[in-house]
Amino acid sequence: QVQLVESGGGLVQPGGSLRLSCAASGRTFSNYAMSWYRQVPGTVHNLVSTITTTGVSTTYLNSVKGRFTISRDNAKSTVYLQMNDLKPEDTATYYCNARTGTNEYWGQGTQVTVSS
């Protein structure tokens, strides 16, 4: 079992920045590929970014490429999402996801609202 706790969400103006954090506990963090998803009410989760176990490889949703950066610190069992140049369409609840093999875990989500 892995417990995931997100933090760092909030209200920000367009063009602003936020850094989301997801702290993991319970199992060996470095065994899990980590991802950030986001969801707007009434829609499905959208995969925003993924980072491999070692952090060597990352992927991004096209609409966030060049603005968002995912990173991880295995020593701190934490994954981050640095979000720059935020746009109103980035408004969503952001969820942290840990996955290895057939095991998958989710955090409770953190709200990001981009509005002037």
N, C-alpha and C. Protein backbone atom coordinates (compact mmCIF):
# COMPACT_ATOMS: atom_id res chain seq x y z
N GLN A 1 0.85 -1.20 0.00
CA GLN A 1 0.00 0.00 0.00
C GLN A 1 0.88 1.25 0.00
N VAL A 2 0.47 2.22 -0.79
CA VAL A 2 1.18 3.50 -0.86
C VAL A 2 0.19 4.60 -0.55
N GLN A 3 0.58 5.51 0.31
CA GLN A 3 -0.23 6.68 0.60
C GLN A 3 0.40 7.88 -0.08
N LEU A 4 -0.44 8.66 -0.76
CA LEU A 4 0.02 9.83 -1.51
C LEU A 4 -0.72 11.07 -1.00
N VAL A 5 0.03 12.12 -0.71
CA VAL A 5 -0.57 13.36 -0.23
C VAL A 5 -0.05 14.51 -1.08
N GLU A 6 -0.97 15.14 -1.81
CA GLU A 6 -0.61 16.28 -2.65
C GLU A 6 -0.72 17.58 -1.86
N SER A 7 0.04 18.56 -2.28
CA SER A 7 -0.03 19.90 -1.72
C SER A 7 0.46 20.89 -2.77
N GLY A 8 0.21 22.17 -2.51
CA GLY A 8 0.73 23.21 -3.38
C GLY A 8 -0.27 23.86 -4.30
N GLY A 9 -1.49 23.36 -4.32
CA GLY A 9 -2.50 23.97 -5.17
C GLY A 9 -2.94 25.32 -4.63
N GLY A 10 -3.76 26.01 -5.41
CA GLY A 10 -4.26 27.30 -4.97
C GLY A 10 -4.79 28.12 -6.12
N LEU A 11 -5.03 29.38 -5.82
CA LEU A 11 -5.53 30.34 -6.82
C LEU A 11 -4.36 31.17 -7.32
N VAL A 12 -4.23 31.26 -8.63
CA VAL A 12 -3.14 32.03 -9.22
C VAL A 12 -3.66 32.75 -10.45
N GLN A 13 -3.08 33.89 -10.74
CA GLN A 13 -3.47 34.65 -11.93
C GLN A 13 -2.86 34.04 -13.18
N PRO A 14 -3.48 34.25 -14.32
CA PRO A 14 -2.89 33.79 -15.58
C PRO A 14 -1.46 34.30 -15.72
N GLY A 15 -0.57 33.41 -16.17
CA GLY A 15 0.84 33.73 -16.29
C GLY A 15 1.65 33.42 -15.04
N GLY A 16 0.96 33.09 -13.97
CA GLY A 16 1.64 32.79 -12.72
C GLY A 16 2.17 31.37 -12.66
N SER A 17 2.74 31.03 -11.52
CA SER A 17 3.36 29.72 -11.31
C SER A 17 2.90 29.10 -10.01
N LEU A 18 2.90 27.78 -10.01
CA LEU A 18 2.68 27.00 -8.80
C LEU A 18 3.57 25.77 -8.86
N ARG A 19 3.94 25.25 -7.71
CA ARG A 19 4.64 23.97 -7.66
C ARG A 19 3.84 23.01 -6.79
N LEU A 20 3.39 21.94 -7.42
CA LEU A 20 2.69 20.89 -6.68
C LEU A 20 3.69 19.87 -6.16
N SER A 21 3.40 19.35 -4.98
CA SER A 21 4.21 18.29 -4.39
C SER A 21 3.32 17.11 -4.06
N CYS A 22 3.89 15.93 -4.13
CA CYS A 22 3.17 14.72 -3.76
C CYS A 22 4.13 13.88 -2.92
N ALA A 23 3.83 13.77 -1.65
CA ALA A 23 4.66 12.99 -0.73
C ALA A 23 4.09 11.59 -0.60
N ALA A 24 4.96 10.60 -0.76
CA ALA A 24 4.55 9.20 -0.70
C ALA A 24 5.07 8.52 0.55
N SER A 25 4.31 7.57 1.02
CA SER A 25 4.76 6.77 2.16
C SER A 25 4.18 5.38 2.03
N GLY A 26 4.81 4.43 2.68
CA GLY A 26 4.27 3.09 2.75
C GLY A 26 5.06 2.02 2.04
N ARG A 27 5.60 2.30 0.87
CA ARG A 27 6.39 1.32 0.14
C ARG A 27 7.59 2.03 -0.47
N THR A 28 8.44 1.29 -1.14
CA THR A 28 9.64 1.87 -1.71
C THR A 28 9.27 2.77 -2.88
N PHE A 29 9.42 4.07 -2.65
CA PHE A 29 9.00 5.07 -3.63
C PHE A 29 9.68 4.87 -4.97
N SER A 30 10.94 4.52 -4.95
CA SER A 30 11.71 4.43 -6.19
C SER A 30 11.26 3.28 -7.09
N ASN A 31 10.39 2.42 -6.62
CA ASN A 31 9.86 1.34 -7.45
C ASN A 31 8.69 1.78 -8.32
N TYR A 32 8.20 2.99 -8.09
CA TYR A 32 6.97 3.43 -8.74
C TYR A 32 7.23 4.50 -9.78
N ALA A 33 6.65 4.31 -10.96
CA ALA A 33 6.54 5.41 -11.90
C ALA A 33 5.49 6.36 -11.34
N MET A 34 5.74 7.64 -11.46
CA MET A 34 4.85 8.64 -10.87
C MET A 34 4.26 9.52 -11.96
N SER A 35 3.01 9.87 -11.77
CA SER A 35 2.32 10.69 -12.75
C SER A 35 1.46 11.75 -12.06
N TRP A 36 1.19 12.79 -12.81
CA TRP A 36 0.19 13.78 -12.43
C TRP A 36 -0.94 13.72 -13.45
N TYR A 37 -2.15 13.66 -12.93
CA TYR A 37 -3.36 13.74 -13.74
C TYR A 37 -4.12 14.98 -13.30
N ARG A 38 -5.04 15.40 -14.15
CA ARG A 38 -5.95 16.47 -13.73
C ARG A 38 -7.35 16.15 -14.21
N GLN A 39 -8.30 16.71 -13.49
CA GLN A 39 -9.70 16.44 -13.80
C GLN A 39 -10.54 17.68 -13.56
N VAL A 40 -11.37 17.97 -14.55
CA VAL A 40 -12.38 19.01 -14.43
C VAL A 40 -13.70 18.31 -14.13
N PRO A 41 -14.54 18.85 -13.26
CA PRO A 41 -15.81 18.16 -12.92
C PRO A 41 -16.59 17.78 -14.17
N GLY A 42 -17.07 16.53 -14.19
CA GLY A 42 -17.86 16.06 -15.30
C GLY A 42 -17.05 15.45 -16.43
N THR A 43 -15.73 15.42 -16.26
CA THR A 43 -14.87 14.83 -17.29
C THR A 43 -13.97 13.76 -16.66
N VAL A 44 -13.27 13.02 -17.52
CA VAL A 44 -12.37 11.99 -17.03
C VAL A 44 -11.02 12.60 -16.65
N HIS A 45 -10.24 11.80 -15.91
CA HIS A 45 -8.87 12.21 -15.62
C HIS A 45 -8.08 12.33 -16.92
N ASN A 46 -7.27 13.37 -17.01
CA ASN A 46 -6.34 13.52 -18.13
C ASN A 46 -4.92 13.40 -17.61
N LEU A 47 -4.12 12.58 -18.27
CA LEU A 47 -2.72 12.44 -17.89
C LEU A 47 -1.96 13.70 -18.27
N VAL A 48 -1.33 14.32 -17.30
CA VAL A 48 -0.59 15.56 -17.53
C VAL A 48 0.90 15.26 -17.76
N SER A 49 1.46 14.42 -16.91
CA SER A 49 2.89 14.16 -17.01
C SER A 49 3.24 12.88 -16.26
N THR A 50 4.28 12.20 -16.74
CA THR A 50 4.77 10.99 -16.10
C THR A 50 6.28 11.04 -16.01
N ILE A 51 6.81 10.47 -14.93
CA ILE A 51 8.26 10.36 -14.77
C ILE A 51 8.58 8.92 -14.37
N THR A 52 9.62 8.37 -14.96
CA THR A 52 9.99 7.00 -14.68
C THR A 52 10.63 6.87 -13.29
N THR A 53 10.88 5.64 -12.89
CA THR A 53 11.35 5.38 -11.53
C THR A 53 12.64 6.11 -11.20
N THR A 54 13.53 6.20 -12.18
CA THR A 54 14.81 6.86 -11.93
C THR A 54 14.79 8.34 -12.27
N GLY A 55 13.72 8.78 -12.91
CA GLY A 55 13.63 10.18 -13.31
C GLY A 55 14.30 10.49 -14.63
N VAL A 56 14.80 9.47 -15.30
CA VAL A 56 15.53 9.70 -16.55
C VAL A 56 14.59 10.13 -17.66
N SER A 57 13.39 9.56 -17.68
CA SER A 57 12.45 9.83 -18.77
C SER A 57 11.18 10.48 -18.26
N THR A 58 10.71 11.47 -19.02
CA THR A 58 9.48 12.16 -18.68
C THR A 58 8.62 12.32 -19.93
N THR A 59 7.32 12.41 -19.73
CA THR A 59 6.39 12.69 -20.82
C THR A 59 5.40 13.75 -20.36
N TYR A 60 4.85 14.47 -21.34
CA TYR A 60 3.93 15.55 -21.04
C TYR A 60 2.76 15.58 -22.00
N LEU A 61 1.63 16.03 -21.48
CA LEU A 61 0.48 16.39 -22.31
C LEU A 61 0.93 17.53 -23.23
N ASN A 62 0.53 17.48 -24.49
CA ASN A 62 1.00 18.48 -25.45
C ASN A 62 0.74 19.90 -24.99
N SER A 63 -0.40 20.14 -24.38
CA SER A 63 -0.78 21.50 -24.03
C SER A 63 0.04 22.08 -22.87
N VAL A 64 0.80 21.25 -22.18
CA VAL A 64 1.61 21.75 -21.06
C VAL A 64 3.10 21.71 -21.36
N LYS A 65 3.48 21.15 -22.50
CA LYS A 65 4.90 21.06 -22.85
C LYS A 65 5.52 22.45 -22.89
N GLY A 66 6.69 22.56 -22.27
CA GLY A 66 7.39 23.84 -22.23
C GLY A 66 6.96 24.73 -21.08
N ARG A 67 5.87 24.35 -20.40
CA ARG A 67 5.38 25.16 -19.27
C ARG A 67 5.47 24.38 -17.95
N PHE A 68 5.24 23.08 -18.01
CA PHE A 68 5.25 22.25 -16.80
C PHE A 68 6.51 21.38 -16.79
N THR A 69 7.02 21.13 -15.60
CA THR A 69 8.16 20.24 -15.44
C THR A 69 7.91 19.29 -14.27
N ILE A 70 8.01 18.00 -14.56
CA ILE A 70 7.87 16.99 -13.50
C ILE A 70 9.26 16.58 -13.04
N SER A 71 9.39 16.35 -11.75
CA SER A 71 10.65 15.88 -11.20
C SER A 71 10.36 15.03 -9.96
N ARG A 72 11.36 14.31 -9.52
CA ARG A 72 11.17 13.49 -8.32
C ARG A 72 12.45 13.48 -7.50
N ASP A 73 12.27 13.30 -6.21
CA ASP A 73 13.38 13.15 -5.29
C ASP A 73 13.15 11.85 -4.54
N ASN A 74 13.81 10.80 -4.97
CA ASN A 74 13.56 9.49 -4.37
C ASN A 74 14.00 9.43 -2.92
N ALA A 75 14.97 10.24 -2.54
CA ALA A 75 15.41 10.27 -1.15
C ALA A 75 14.33 10.86 -0.24
N LYS A 76 13.52 11.75 -0.80
CA LYS A 76 12.44 12.37 -0.03
C LYS A 76 11.08 11.75 -0.34
N SER A 77 11.06 10.74 -1.22
CA SER A 77 9.81 10.08 -1.61
C SER A 77 8.77 11.10 -2.06
N THR A 78 9.19 12.01 -2.90
CA THR A 78 8.32 13.11 -3.32
C THR A 78 8.46 13.33 -4.82
N VAL A 79 7.34 13.59 -5.45
CA VAL A 79 7.33 13.99 -6.85
C VAL A 79 6.74 15.41 -6.92
N TYR A 80 7.25 16.17 -7.87
CA TYR A 80 6.87 17.58 -8.00
C TYR A 80 6.32 17.84 -9.40
N LEU A 81 5.51 18.88 -9.49
CA LEU A 81 5.08 19.39 -10.79
C LEU A 81 5.22 20.91 -10.74
N GLN A 82 6.24 21.42 -11.40
CA GLN A 82 6.41 22.86 -11.51
C GLN A 82 5.59 23.34 -12.67
N MET A 83 4.69 24.27 -12.42
CA MET A 83 3.77 24.76 -13.44
C MET A 83 4.00 26.25 -13.63
N ASN A 84 4.46 26.63 -14.80
CA ASN A 84 4.72 28.03 -15.13
C ASN A 84 3.78 28.49 -16.22
N ASP A 85 3.66 29.79 -16.35
CA ASP A 85 2.81 30.40 -17.38
C ASP A 85 1.42 29.76 -17.38
N LEU A 86 0.83 29.69 -16.22
CA LEU A 86 -0.46 29.02 -16.09
C LEU A 86 -1.56 29.76 -16.85
N LYS A 87 -2.47 28.97 -17.39
CA LYS A 87 -3.57 29.49 -18.19
C LYS A 87 -4.89 29.08 -17.54
N PRO A 88 -5.96 29.81 -17.82
CA PRO A 88 -7.26 29.44 -17.23
C PRO A 88 -7.65 27.99 -17.54
N GLU A 89 -7.25 27.49 -18.69
CA GLU A 89 -7.60 26.11 -19.04
C GLU A 89 -6.82 25.07 -18.24
N ASP A 90 -5.86 25.51 -17.45
CA ASP A 90 -5.16 24.59 -16.54
C ASP A 90 -5.93 24.36 -15.25
N THR A 91 -7.01 25.11 -15.07
CA THR A 91 -7.82 24.96 -13.87
C THR A 91 -8.39 23.56 -13.79
N ALA A 92 -8.13 22.88 -12.67
CA ALA A 92 -8.57 21.50 -12.48
C ALA A 92 -8.15 21.03 -11.10
N THR A 93 -8.62 19.86 -10.73
CA THR A 93 -8.07 19.18 -9.57
C THR A 93 -6.94 18.30 -10.07
N TYR A 94 -5.78 18.42 -9.45
CA TYR A 94 -4.60 17.67 -9.86
C TYR A 94 -4.37 16.51 -8.90
N TYR A 95 -4.17 15.34 -9.48
CA TYR A 95 -4.00 14.12 -8.71
C TYR A 95 -2.64 13.50 -8.97
N CYS A 96 -2.05 13.00 -7.92
CA CYS A 96 -0.81 12.26 -8.00
C CYS A 96 -1.13 10.77 -8.13
N ASN A 97 -0.35 10.08 -8.95
CA ASN A 97 -0.58 8.66 -9.20
C ASN A 97 0.75 7.92 -9.12
N ALA A 98 0.73 6.78 -8.43
CA ALA A 98 1.91 5.90 -8.35
C ALA A 98 1.55 4.56 -8.98
N ARG A 99 2.43 4.04 -9.81
CA ARG A 99 2.09 2.81 -10.52
C ARG A 99 3.31 1.92 -10.65
N THR A 100 3.10 0.62 -10.37
CA THR A 100 4.11 -0.38 -10.67
C THR A 100 3.41 -1.67 -10.98
N GLY A 101 3.69 -2.25 -12.09
CA GLY A 101 3.00 -3.47 -12.49
C GLY A 101 1.50 -3.23 -12.53
N THR A 102 0.77 -4.04 -11.79
CA THR A 102 -0.69 -3.91 -11.75
C THR A 102 -1.17 -3.10 -10.55
N ASN A 103 -0.25 -2.63 -9.73
CA ASN A 103 -0.62 -1.83 -8.55
C ASN A 103 -0.62 -0.36 -8.90
N GLU A 104 -1.68 0.32 -8.46
CA GLU A 104 -1.83 1.73 -8.77
C GLU A 104 -2.48 2.42 -7.57
N TYR A 105 -1.97 3.60 -7.24
CA TYR A 105 -2.46 4.35 -6.09
C TYR A 105 -2.66 5.80 -6.48
N TRP A 106 -3.63 6.44 -5.79
CA TRP A 106 -3.99 7.82 -6.08
C TRP A 106 -3.97 8.65 -4.80
N GLY A 107 -3.61 9.92 -4.97
CA GLY A 107 -3.76 10.87 -3.89
C GLY A 107 -5.17 11.43 -3.88
N GLN A 108 -5.41 12.34 -2.95
CA GLN A 108 -6.77 12.89 -2.77
C GLN A 108 -7.03 14.09 -3.67
N GLY A 109 -5.98 14.62 -4.28
CA GLY A 109 -6.13 15.75 -5.20
C GLY A 109 -5.89 17.09 -4.54
N THR A 110 -5.44 18.02 -5.36
CA THR A 110 -5.27 19.40 -4.92
C THR A 110 -5.80 20.32 -6.01
N GLN A 111 -6.55 21.32 -5.62
CA GLN A 111 -7.23 22.19 -6.58
C GLN A 111 -6.29 23.29 -7.07
N VAL A 112 -6.27 23.46 -8.37
CA VAL A 112 -5.55 24.57 -9.00
C VAL A 112 -6.57 25.40 -9.76
N THR A 113 -6.62 26.68 -9.44
CA THR A 113 -7.54 27.59 -10.11
C THR A 113 -6.74 28.76 -10.68
N VAL A 114 -6.86 28.94 -11.99
CA VAL A 114 -6.15 30.02 -12.68
C VAL A 114 -7.19 31.03 -13.14
N SER A 115 -7.17 32.18 -12.50
CA SER A 115 -8.19 33.19 -12.79
C SER A 115 -7.69 34.57 -12.39
N SER A 116 -8.14 35.56 -13.14
CA SER A 116 -7.81 36.93 -12.79
C SER A 116 -8.90 37.55 -11.93
